[in-house]
């Protein structure tokens, strides 16, 4: 996949200077109105706040998402819904996946390589009536997998996931911080 050339011109020649902010052709192809564009610096600030603040003791709606005892989920990015026009659904999914990958790369610079935690088995277990810890049980109903980091010293997990409750509903890039181990 080619990259858009960003850099200074010198003697009529355009030089490429790599930057973590470079955009791919695919990222530039999505119409501006398609997504509430994620600002990576703002997303990192939200994750830092979630990670460093005490975890909630009760269920609540927060300024960035939802929370419960020992966990908080922030909505970092939300696409349009697809009730009227589903033609841009695949583009929106790809864009949110690209944004998750870009954010995961920045977090991997801090915390090392992440793990991928699939939530399908958690969904199956909850469907069979097993009561599992939150936020894992609830997330399994609308998130396929999470990119996760374990912070042993803090006793916490941080994760990034893509949520979609149904085909007509928007995609959301979520950040999760919890002290509950995955089931």
C-alpha atoms as a PDB file:
ATOM      1  CA  UNK A   1       0.000   0.000   0.000  1.00  0.00           C
ATOM      2  CA  UNK A   2       1.479   3.334  -0.991  1.00  0.00           C
ATOM      3  CA  UNK A   3       1.872   6.282   1.310  1.00  0.00           C
ATOM      4  CA  UNK A   4       1.119   9.907   0.608  1.00  0.00           C
ATOM      5  CA  UNK A   5       4.412  11.736   0.229  1.00  0.00           C
ATOM      6  CA  UNK A   6       4.792  14.355   2.926  1.00  0.00           C
ATOM      7  CA  UNK A   7       7.976  16.337   3.168  1.00  0.00           C
ATOM      8  CA  UNK A   8       9.962  19.299   1.989  1.00  0.00           C
ATOM      9  CA  UNK A   9      10.676  20.092  -1.620  1.00  0.00           C
ATOM     10  CA  UNK A  10      14.327  20.575  -2.497  1.00  0.00           C
ATOM     11  CA  UNK A  11      15.430  21.628  -5.957  1.00  0.00           C
ATOM     12  CA  UNK A  12      12.107  20.619  -7.509  1.00  0.00           C
ATOM     13  CA  UNK A  13      12.402  17.153  -5.966  1.00  0.00           C
ATOM     14  CA  UNK A  14      10.082  16.055  -3.213  1.00  0.00           C
ATOM     15  CA  UNK A  15      11.784  14.122  -0.450  1.00  0.00           C
ATOM     16  CA  UNK A  16       9.914  11.661   1.746  1.00  0.00           C
ATOM     17  CA  UNK A  17      10.326  12.077   5.476  1.00  0.00           C
ATOM     18  CA  UNK A  18       8.578   9.282   7.374  1.00  0.00           C
ATOM     19  CA  UNK A  19       6.350  10.344  10.193  1.00  0.00           C
ATOM     20  CA  UNK A  20       4.016   8.443  12.509  1.00  0.00           C
ATOM     21  CA  UNK A  21       1.310  10.828  11.295  1.00  0.00           C
ATOM     22  CA  UNK A  22       1.612   9.847   7.607  1.00  0.00           C
ATOM     23  CA  UNK A  23      -1.694   8.765   6.127  1.00  0.00           C
ATOM     24  CA  UNK A  24      -2.215   5.857   3.767  1.00  0.00           C
ATOM     25  CA  UNK A  25      -4.240   6.214   0.572  1.00  0.00           C
ATOM     26  CA  UNK A  26      -6.955   4.106   2.226  1.00  0.00           C
ATOM     27  CA  UNK A  27      -7.112   6.452   5.203  1.00  0.00           C
ATOM     28  CA  UNK A  28      -7.480   9.442   2.897  1.00  0.00           C
ATOM     29  CA  UNK A  29     -10.179   7.748   0.827  1.00  0.00           C
ATOM     30  CA  UNK A  30     -12.775   7.740   3.595  1.00  0.00           C
ATOM     31  CA  UNK A  31     -14.999  10.822   3.403  1.00  0.00           C
ATOM     32  CA  UNK A  32     -14.473  13.279   6.254  1.00  0.00           C
ATOM     33  CA  UNK A  33     -18.098  12.989   7.316  1.00  0.00           C
ATOM     34  CA  UNK A  34     -17.842   9.226   7.714  1.00  0.00           C
ATOM     35  CA  UNK A  35     -16.197   9.225  11.132  1.00  0.00           C
ATOM     36  CA  UNK A  36     -15.886  11.344  14.228  1.00  0.00           C
ATOM     37  CA  UNK A  37     -12.162  11.418  13.498  1.00  0.00           C
ATOM     38  CA  UNK A  38      -9.989  10.121  16.228  1.00  0.00           C
ATOM     39  CA  UNK A  39      -7.233  12.452  17.326  1.00  0.00           C
ATOM     40  CA  UNK A  40      -4.425  10.107  18.388  1.00  0.00           C
ATOM     41  CA  UNK A  41      -3.038  12.542  20.959  1.00  0.00           C
ATOM     42  CA  UNK A  42      -6.488  12.972  22.475  1.00  0.00           C
ATOM     43  CA  UNK A  43      -7.056   9.187  22.482  1.00  0.00           C
ATOM     44  CA  UNK A  44      -3.719   8.656  24.237  1.00  0.00           C
ATOM     45  CA  UNK A  45      -4.677  11.300  26.809  1.00  0.00           C
ATOM     46  CA  UNK A  46      -7.972   9.480  27.489  1.00  0.00           C
ATOM     47  CA  UNK A  47      -6.139   6.163  27.884  1.00  0.00           C
ATOM     48  CA  UNK A  48      -3.572   7.781  30.194  1.00  0.00           C
ATOM     49  CA  UNK A  49      -6.392   9.208  32.325  1.00  0.00           C
ATOM     50  CA  UNK A  50      -8.172   5.847  32.489  1.00  0.00           C
ATOM     51  CA  UNK A  51      -4.979   4.015  33.283  1.00  0.00           C
ATOM     52  CA  UNK A  52      -3.747   6.345  36.009  1.00  0.00           C
ATOM     53  CA  UNK A  53      -7.032   7.212  37.758  1.00  0.00           C
ATOM     54  CA  UNK A  54      -8.629   5.042  40.412  1.00  0.00           C
ATOM     55  CA  UNK A  55     -11.114   2.617  38.889  1.00  0.00           C
ATOM     56  CA  UNK A  56     -14.783   3.265  39.655  1.00  0.00           C
ATOM     57  CA  UNK A  57     -16.578   1.466  42.485  1.00  0.00           C
ATOM     58  CA  UNK A  58     -20.043   1.640  40.928  1.00  0.00           C
ATOM     59  CA  UNK A  59     -21.783   1.648  37.552  1.00  0.00           C
ATOM     60  CA  UNK A  60     -21.897   5.039  35.862  1.00  0.00           C
ATOM     61  CA  UNK A  61     -21.968   6.856  32.554  1.00  0.00           C
ATOM     62  CA  UNK A  62     -18.752   8.884  32.195  1.00  0.00           C
ATOM     63  CA  UNK A  63     -17.753  11.757  29.942  1.00  0.00           C
ATOM     64  CA  UNK A  64     -16.112   9.237  27.568  1.00  0.00           C
ATOM     65  CA  UNK A  65     -18.161   6.058  27.995  1.00  0.00           C
ATOM     66  CA  UNK A  66     -19.282   3.713  30.749  1.00  0.00           C
ATOM     67  CA  UNK A  67     -17.811   2.361  33.959  1.00  0.00           C
ATOM     68  CA  UNK A  68     -18.437  -0.193  36.649  1.00  0.00           C
ATOM     69  CA  UNK A  69     -16.707  -1.672  39.675  1.00  0.00           C
ATOM     70  CA  UNK A  70     -13.067  -2.156  38.656  1.00  0.00           C
ATOM     71  CA  UNK A  71     -13.388  -1.158  34.982  1.00  0.00           C
ATOM     72  CA  UNK A  72     -13.972   1.707  32.573  1.00  0.00           C
ATOM     73  CA  UNK A  73     -14.665   1.724  28.825  1.00  0.00           C
ATOM     74  CA  UNK A  74     -14.076   4.867  26.748  1.00  0.00           C
ATOM     75  CA  UNK A  75     -15.518   5.483  23.284  1.00  0.00           C
ATOM     76  CA  UNK A  76     -12.575   6.932  21.336  1.00  0.00           C
ATOM     77  CA  UNK A  77     -14.137   7.059  17.867  1.00  0.00           C
ATOM     78  CA  UNK A  78     -17.589   6.491  16.392  1.00  0.00           C
ATOM     79  CA  UNK A  79     -18.522   6.016  12.734  1.00  0.00           C
ATOM     80  CA  UNK A  80     -21.793   6.986  11.144  1.00  0.00           C
ATOM     81  CA  UNK A  81     -24.670   4.519  11.346  1.00  0.00           C
ATOM     82  CA  UNK A  82     -25.759   2.493   8.318  1.00  0.00           C
ATOM     83  CA  UNK A  83     -29.565   2.615   8.467  1.00  0.00           C
ATOM     84  CA  UNK A  84     -29.944   4.627   5.266  1.00  0.00           C
ATOM     85  CA  UNK A  85     -26.829   3.698   3.326  1.00  0.00           C
ATOM     86  CA  UNK A  86     -24.706   0.622   4.005  1.00  0.00           C
ATOM     87  CA  UNK A  87     -22.420   1.203   0.998  1.00  0.00           C
ATOM     88  CA  UNK A  88     -19.739   2.820   3.177  1.00  0.00           C
ATOM     89  CA  UNK A  89     -19.887   0.199   5.929  1.00  0.00           C
ATOM     90  CA  UNK A  90     -16.747  -1.661   4.799  1.00  0.00           C
ATOM     91  CA  UNK A  91     -14.785   1.587   4.448  1.00  0.00           C
ATOM     92  CA  UNK A  92     -15.812   2.623   7.946  1.00  0.00           C
ATOM     93  CA  UNK A  93     -14.796  -0.748   9.396  1.00  0.00           C
ATOM     94  CA  UNK A  94     -11.408  -0.578   7.668  1.00  0.00           C
ATOM     95  CA  UNK A  95     -10.822   2.963   8.906  1.00  0.00           C
ATOM     96  CA  UNK A  96     -11.607   2.095  12.517  1.00  0.00           C
ATOM     97  CA  UNK A  97      -9.308  -0.940  12.230  1.00  0.00           C
ATOM     98  CA  UNK A  98      -6.511   1.285  10.855  1.00  0.00           C
ATOM     99  CA  UNK A  99      -7.018   3.697  13.722  1.00  0.00           C
ATOM    100  CA  UNK A 100      -6.890   0.873  16.265  1.00  0.00           C
ATOM    101  CA  UNK A 101      -3.648  -0.389  14.701  1.00  0.00           C
ATOM    102  CA  UNK A 102      -2.106   3.102  14.771  1.00  0.00           C
ATOM    103  CA  UNK A 103      -3.073   3.613  18.397  1.00  0.00           C
ATOM    104  CA  UNK A 104      -1.876   0.109  19.321  1.00  0.00           C
ATOM    105  CA  UNK A 105       1.491   0.862  17.718  1.00  0.00           C
ATOM    106  CA  UNK A 106       1.867   3.979  19.869  1.00  0.00           C
ATOM    107  CA  UNK A 107       0.916   2.039  23.005  1.00  0.00           C
ATOM    108  CA  UNK A 108       3.302  -0.788  22.070  1.00  0.00           C
ATOM    109  CA  UNK A 109       6.127   1.775  22.080  1.00  0.00           C
ATOM    110  CA  UNK A 110       5.285   2.404  25.749  1.00  0.00           C
ATOM    111  CA  UNK A 111       4.245  -1.014  27.002  1.00  0.00           C
ATOM    112  CA  UNK A 112       5.722  -3.543  24.600  1.00  0.00           C
ATOM    113  CA  UNK A 113       3.916  -5.891  22.243  1.00  0.00           C
ATOM    114  CA  UNK A 114       0.249  -6.538  22.975  1.00  0.00           C
ATOM    115  CA  UNK A 115      -1.667  -9.792  23.064  1.00  0.00           C
ATOM    116  CA  UNK A 116      -4.897 -10.447  21.209  1.00  0.00           C
ATOM    117  CA  UNK A 117      -7.754 -11.722  23.340  1.00  0.00           C
ATOM    118  CA  UNK A 118     -10.713 -13.194  21.442  1.00  0.00           C
ATOM    119  CA  UNK A 119     -14.080 -12.747  23.118  1.00  0.00           C
ATOM    120  CA  UNK A 120     -16.065 -15.422  21.254  1.00  0.00           C
ATOM    121  CA  UNK A 121     -15.597 -18.051  23.962  1.00  0.00           C
ATOM    122  CA  UNK A 122     -16.648 -15.489  26.568  1.00  0.00           C
ATOM    123  CA  UNK A 123     -19.829 -14.830  24.564  1.00  0.00           C
ATOM    124  CA  UNK A 124     -20.550 -18.557  24.324  1.00  0.00           C
ATOM    125  CA  UNK A 125     -20.094 -18.989  28.064  1.00  0.00           C
ATOM    126  CA  UNK A 126     -22.393 -16.070  28.881  1.00  0.00           C
ATOM    127  CA  UNK A 127     -25.002 -17.405  26.432  1.00  0.00           C
ATOM    128  CA  UNK A 128     -24.884 -20.712  28.316  1.00  0.00           C
ATOM    129  CA  UNK A 129     -25.729 -18.826  31.515  1.00  0.00           C
ATOM    130  CA  UNK A 130     -22.310 -18.601  33.117  1.00  0.00           C
ATOM    131  CA  UNK A 131     -21.777 -15.358  35.027  1.00  0.00           C
ATOM    132  CA  UNK A 132     -18.437 -13.865  34.055  1.00  0.00           C
ATOM    133  CA  UNK A 133     -16.604 -10.780  35.259  1.00  0.00           C
ATOM    134  CA  UNK A 134     -17.254  -7.389  33.737  1.00  0.00           C
ATOM    135  CA  UNK A 135     -16.346  -5.724  31.494  1.00  0.00           C
ATOM    136  CA  UNK A 136     -15.500  -8.970  29.666  1.00  0.00           C
ATOM    137  CA  UNK A 137     -19.037 -10.410  29.640  1.00  0.00           C
ATOM    138  CA  UNK A 138     -20.655  -7.248  28.272  1.00  0.00           C
ATOM    139  CA  UNK A 139     -17.901  -6.579  25.732  1.00  0.00           C
ATOM    140  CA  UNK A 140     -18.268 -10.081  24.298  1.00  0.00           C
ATOM    141  CA  UNK A 141     -21.712  -9.152  22.965  1.00  0.00           C
ATOM    142  CA  UNK A 142     -20.389  -6.511  20.578  1.00  0.00           C
ATOM    143  CA  UNK A 143     -16.568  -6.768  20.381  1.00  0.00           C
ATOM    144  CA  UNK A 144     -14.888  -9.675  18.548  1.00  0.00           C
ATOM    145  CA  UNK A 145     -11.431  -9.295  20.053  1.00  0.00           C
ATOM    146  CA  UNK A 146      -9.295  -6.945  22.090  1.00  0.00           C
ATOM    147  CA  UNK A 147      -5.697  -5.895  21.684  1.00  0.00           C
ATOM    148  CA  UNK A 148      -4.540  -6.033  25.328  1.00  0.00           C
ATOM    149  CA  UNK A 149      -1.603  -5.200  27.548  1.00  0.00           C
ATOM    150  CA  UNK A 150      -1.164  -6.561  31.070  1.00  0.00           C
ATOM    151  CA  UNK A 151       0.361  -4.158  33.597  1.00  0.00           C
ATOM    152  CA  UNK A 152       1.585  -6.485  36.339  1.00  0.00           C
ATOM    153  CA  UNK A 153       2.830  -3.711  38.623  1.00  0.00           C
ATOM    154  CA  UNK A 154      -0.552  -1.933  38.541  1.00  0.00           C
ATOM    155  CA  UNK A 155      -2.672  -5.091  38.453  1.00  0.00           C
ATOM    156  CA  UNK A 156      -4.554  -3.797  35.417  1.00  0.00           C
ATOM    157  CA  UNK A 157      -5.318  -4.617  31.814  1.00  0.00           C
ATOM    158  CA  UNK A 158      -5.621  -2.050  29.041  1.00  0.00           C
ATOM    159  CA  UNK A 159      -7.318  -2.990  25.786  1.00  0.00           C
ATOM    160  CA  UNK A 160      -8.461  -1.625  22.451  1.00  0.00           C
ATOM    161  CA  UNK A 161     -11.437  -3.108  20.652  1.00  0.00           C
ATOM    162  CA  UNK A 162     -13.859  -2.393  17.845  1.00  0.00           C
ATOM    163  CA  UNK A 163     -17.506  -2.511  18.776  1.00  0.00           C
ATOM    164  CA  UNK A 164     -20.532  -2.918  16.571  1.00  0.00           C
ATOM    165  CA  UNK A 165     -23.833  -3.960  18.100  1.00  0.00           C
ATOM    166  CA  UNK A 166     -25.578  -4.692  14.776  1.00  0.00           C
ATOM    167  CA  UNK A 167     -24.961  -4.258  11.036  1.00  0.00           C
ATOM    168  CA  UNK A 168     -26.878  -0.959  10.849  1.00  0.00           C
ATOM    169  CA  UNK A 169     -25.212   0.573  13.898  1.00  0.00           C
ATOM    170  CA  UNK A 170     -21.936   2.513  14.004  1.00  0.00           C
ATOM    171  CA  UNK A 171     -18.502   1.066  14.619  1.00  0.00           C
ATOM    172  CA  UNK A 172     -16.789   2.330  17.755  1.00  0.00           C
ATOM    173  CA  UNK A 173     -13.159   2.195  18.757  1.00  0.00           C
ATOM    174  CA  UNK A 174     -13.115   1.442  22.477  1.00  0.00           C
ATOM    175  CA  UNK A 175     -10.414   1.678  25.130  1.00  0.00           C
ATOM    176  CA  UNK A 176     -10.838  -0.580  28.156  1.00  0.00           C
ATOM    177  CA  UNK A 177      -9.042  -0.423  31.489  1.00  0.00           C
ATOM    178  CA  UNK A 178      -9.834  -3.010  34.142  1.00  0.00           C
ATOM    179  CA  UNK A 179      -8.402  -4.767  37.152  1.00  0.00           C
ATOM    180  CA  UNK A 180     -10.420  -7.886  36.276  1.00  0.00           C
ATOM    181  CA  UNK A 181      -8.423 -10.672  34.602  1.00  0.00           C
ATOM    182  CA  UNK A 182      -9.948 -12.059  31.399  1.00  0.00           C
ATOM    183  CA  UNK A 183     -12.040 -15.159  32.028  1.00  0.00           C
END
